[in-house]
């Protein structure tokens, strides 16, 4: 990324003033960044609880469904066909 400001020959006082302006900008921004962080944490927590809720609903539905039909058929004894004598 290119430097946004062309090289300037700043005096010591001007450089100190720019540093102070940058410091004030970042200090003023902290309040907003903290609010954004809290907002993002709450959104993540909400999503986590939604995921858990969905997982519980899926598990409950599977419990109510019972075993699959394939398992029931495989548990029945198989009848052997006998060959007729001709």
Protein backbone atom coordinates (compact mmCIF):
# COMPACT_ATOMS: atom_id res chain seq x y z
CA UNK A 1 0.00 0.00 0.00
CA UNK A 2 1.38 3.32 -0.94
CA UNK A 3 1.93 6.06 1.56
CA UNK A 4 -1.15 8.28 1.55
CA UNK A 5 0.78 11.41 2.27
CA UNK A 6 3.67 12.49 0.12
CA UNK A 7 6.88 12.84 2.01
CA UNK A 8 6.85 16.08 3.90
CA UNK A 9 9.57 17.79 5.77
CA UNK A 10 7.89 18.33 9.11
CA UNK A 11 9.34 20.30 11.93
CA UNK A 12 9.63 18.70 15.33
CA UNK A 13 6.61 20.70 16.51
CA UNK A 14 4.48 19.64 13.52
CA UNK A 15 5.44 16.02 14.02
CA UNK A 16 4.52 16.20 17.70
CA UNK A 17 1.18 17.81 16.78
CA UNK A 18 0.41 15.01 14.28
CA UNK A 19 1.27 12.37 16.86
CA UNK A 20 -1.04 14.06 19.37
CA UNK A 21 -3.87 14.15 16.80
CA UNK A 22 -3.40 10.44 16.06
CA UNK A 23 -3.42 9.63 19.78
CA UNK A 24 -6.63 11.59 20.31
CA UNK A 25 -8.26 9.87 17.34
CA UNK A 26 -7.48 6.40 18.67
CA UNK A 27 -8.46 7.25 22.23
CA UNK A 28 -11.78 8.66 21.01
CA UNK A 29 -12.37 5.50 18.97
CA UNK A 30 -11.90 3.12 21.91
CA UNK A 31 -15.40 3.74 23.25
CA UNK A 32 -16.94 2.76 19.90
CA UNK A 33 -14.67 -0.23 19.47
CA UNK A 34 -15.60 -1.55 22.91
CA UNK A 35 -19.29 -1.20 22.05
CA UNK A 36 -18.70 -3.05 18.77
CA UNK A 37 -16.79 -5.80 20.58
CA UNK A 38 -19.64 -6.30 23.06
CA UNK A 39 -22.11 -6.36 20.16
CA UNK A 40 -20.10 -9.00 18.28
CA UNK A 41 -19.70 -11.14 21.41
CA UNK A 42 -23.45 -11.08 22.00
CA UNK A 43 -24.15 -12.04 18.38
CA UNK A 44 -21.70 -14.95 18.64
CA UNK A 45 -23.32 -16.12 21.87
CA UNK A 46 -26.79 -15.94 20.31
CA UNK A 47 -25.61 -18.00 17.33
CA UNK A 48 -24.06 -20.57 19.66
CA UNK A 49 -27.32 -21.00 21.57
CA UNK A 50 -29.30 -21.26 18.34
CA UNK A 51 -26.95 -24.01 17.17
CA UNK A 52 -27.33 -25.91 20.45
CA UNK A 53 -31.11 -25.52 20.33
CA UNK A 54 -31.20 -26.93 16.81
CA UNK A 55 -29.01 -29.87 17.81
CA UNK A 56 -31.33 -30.66 20.74
CA UNK A 57 -34.36 -30.50 18.43
CA UNK A 58 -32.71 -32.89 15.99
CA UNK A 59 -31.79 -35.33 18.77
CA UNK A 60 -35.32 -35.18 20.19
CA UNK A 61 -36.87 -35.81 16.76
CA UNK A 62 -34.58 -38.79 16.23
CA UNK A 63 -35.54 -40.15 19.65
CA UNK A 64 -39.25 -39.86 18.85
CA UNK A 65 -38.76 -41.44 15.44
CA UNK A 66 -37.49 -44.70 16.89
CA UNK A 67 -35.23 -47.17 15.16
CA UNK A 68 -35.19 -47.24 11.37
CA UNK A 69 -37.37 -49.80 9.60
CA UNK A 70 -34.32 -51.53 8.14
CA UNK A 71 -33.19 -52.59 11.60
CA UNK A 72 -36.59 -54.09 12.43
CA UNK A 73 -36.61 -56.21 9.28
CA UNK A 74 -33.10 -57.48 9.88
CA UNK A 75 -34.01 -58.64 13.38
CA UNK A 76 -36.84 -60.91 12.18
CA UNK A 77 -35.81 -64.51 11.69
CA UNK A 78 -35.39 -65.41 8.08
CA UNK A 79 -37.46 -68.30 6.83
CA UNK A 80 -35.59 -70.83 4.85
CA UNK A 81 -37.31 -72.23 1.79
CA UNK A 82 -37.18 -75.96 1.52
CA UNK A 83 -36.69 -77.61 -1.79
CA UNK A 84 -39.36 -80.03 -2.92
CA UNK A 85 -38.37 -83.45 -3.94
CA UNK A 86 -39.62 -84.31 -7.37
